Amino acid sequence: MLSGSDDCTIKIWDADSGAFLTDLNGHKNAVSCMTLANNELFSGSLDHYVRIWDLPSIDEKIYMLACMAAEDIRSRKLRRMVIPKKGKGGKGAAKGSAKKGKK
């Protein structure tokens, strides 16, 4: 799904989930109209230009962004920081178990 925006971009959305996929940047003013023909997207803007976008290139961009996002998720590692407890034999004593002697 495509939408023209006042922020000078064309936004691409997943029609099934409604998730945002990517932006197409190139206009200098609000995008006011779009049409598809011959495997191309034509967009008109208040900047008085019509831009032509190649649909296979857009598909490739979306695929590459999805691959990079998946790889980013795979590469993240959760690290658990283990703080050693002080006590006899390297093991921590239970809190409050030490008795204080009177002088």
Protein backbone atom coordinates (compact mmCIF):
# COMPACT_ATOMS: atom_id res chain seq x y z
CA MET A 1 0.00 0.00 0.00
CA LEU A 2 1.29 3.51 -0.79
CA SER A 3 0.52 6.90 0.70
CA GLY A 4 1.69 10.37 -0.31
CA SER A 5 2.65 12.63 2.56
CA ASP A 6 3.00 16.31 3.46
CA ASP A 7 6.55 15.50 4.63
CA CYS A 8 7.63 15.14 0.96
CA THR A 9 7.80 11.33 1.09
CA ILE A 10 5.87 8.37 -0.23
CA LYS A 11 5.29 5.86 2.54
CA ILE A 12 5.04 2.15 1.79
CA TRP A 13 2.92 -0.06 4.06
CA ASP A 14 2.29 -3.80 4.32
CA ALA A 15 -1.33 -4.17 3.21
CA ASP A 16 -1.89 -7.30 5.34
CA SER A 17 -0.49 -6.12 8.66
CA GLY A 18 -0.57 -2.34 8.23
CA ALA A 19 3.11 -2.18 9.23
CA PHE A 20 5.27 0.64 7.88
CA LEU A 21 7.95 -0.68 5.50
CA THR A 22 9.93 2.27 4.10
CA ASP A 23 9.91 5.82 2.69
CA LEU A 24 10.64 7.00 -0.82
CA ASN A 25 12.39 10.38 -0.73
CA GLY A 26 12.81 12.71 -3.67
CA HIS A 27 10.15 15.39 -3.70
CA LYS A 28 10.75 18.89 -2.31
CA ASN A 29 7.11 19.47 -1.31
CA ALA A 30 4.00 17.48 -0.36
CA VAL A 31 3.18 14.47 -2.54
CA SER A 32 -0.26 15.08 -4.02
CA CYS A 33 -0.87 12.21 -6.46
CA MET A 34 0.39 8.77 -7.52
CA THR A 35 -0.36 6.17 -10.16
CA LEU A 36 1.11 2.83 -11.22
CA ALA A 37 1.84 1.89 -14.86
CA ASN A 38 4.33 -0.32 -16.70
CA ASN A 39 5.99 -1.58 -13.52
CA GLU A 40 6.66 2.00 -12.39
CA LEU A 41 5.23 4.37 -9.81
CA PHE A 42 4.59 7.94 -10.92
CA SER A 43 4.25 10.54 -8.18
CA GLY A 44 3.30 14.19 -8.46
CA SER A 45 4.05 16.86 -5.91
CA LEU A 46 3.41 20.47 -5.05
CA ASP A 47 7.05 21.01 -6.07
CA HIS A 48 5.72 20.83 -9.69
CA TYR A 49 7.68 17.66 -10.52
CA VAL A 50 6.60 14.17 -11.49
CA ARG A 51 8.99 11.48 -10.26
CA ILE A 52 9.20 7.98 -11.71
CA TRP A 53 10.07 5.09 -9.36
CA ASP A 54 11.06 1.63 -10.54
CA LEU A 55 8.89 -0.95 -8.71
CA PRO A 56 11.45 -3.82 -8.80
CA SER A 57 14.01 -1.47 -7.19
CA ILE A 58 11.48 -0.58 -4.48
CA ASP A 59 10.82 -4.31 -3.85
CA GLU A 60 14.57 -4.92 -3.58
CA LYS A 61 14.93 -2.05 -1.08
CA ILE A 62 12.11 -3.46 1.08
CA TYR A 63 13.64 -6.96 0.93
CA MET A 64 17.09 -5.66 1.92
CA LEU A 65 15.64 -3.65 4.84
CA ALA A 66 13.79 -6.77 6.06
CA CYS A 67 17.00 -8.84 5.82
CA MET A 68 18.97 -6.21 7.76
CA ALA A 69 16.29 -6.05 10.48
CA ALA A 70 16.24 -9.86 10.81
CA GLU A 71 20.04 -9.98 11.03
CA ASP A 72 20.05 -7.21 13.63
CA ILE A 73 17.68 -9.23 15.80
CA ARG A 74 19.80 -12.40 15.38
CA SER A 75 23.01 -10.58 16.25
CA ARG A 76 21.78 -9.18 19.55
CA LYS A 77 22.91 -11.06 22.60
CA LEU A 78 21.51 -10.79 26.04
CA ARG A 79 24.28 -10.76 28.56
CA ARG A 80 23.64 -11.53 32.14
CA MET A 81 25.95 -9.78 34.49
CA VAL A 82 26.81 -12.04 37.41
CA ILE A 83 27.94 -10.27 40.55
CA PRO A 84 29.82 -12.62 42.92
CA LYS A 85 28.56 -12.63 46.47
CA LYS A 86 31.06 -12.10 49.30
CA GLY A 87 31.34 -14.74 51.98
CA LYS A 88 33.18 -17.87 53.09
CA GLY A 89 34.48 -20.17 50.41
CA GLY A 90 33.37 -17.87 47.63
CA LYS A 91 29.73 -18.48 48.44
CA GLY A 92 27.55 -15.74 49.74
CA ALA A 93 26.25 -15.79 53.26
CA ALA A 94 22.56 -15.36 53.81
CA LYS A 95 21.54 -11.81 54.54
CA GLY A 96 21.41 -11.14 58.25
CA SER A 97 23.05 -14.45 59.18
CA ALA A 98 26.21 -12.92 60.60
CA LYS A 99 26.00 -12.18 64.36
CA LYS A 100 27.69 -9.18 65.82
CA GLY A 101 29.47 -9.71 69.10
CA LYS A 102 29.30 -7.30 72.02
CA LYS A 103 32.46 -5.83 73.52
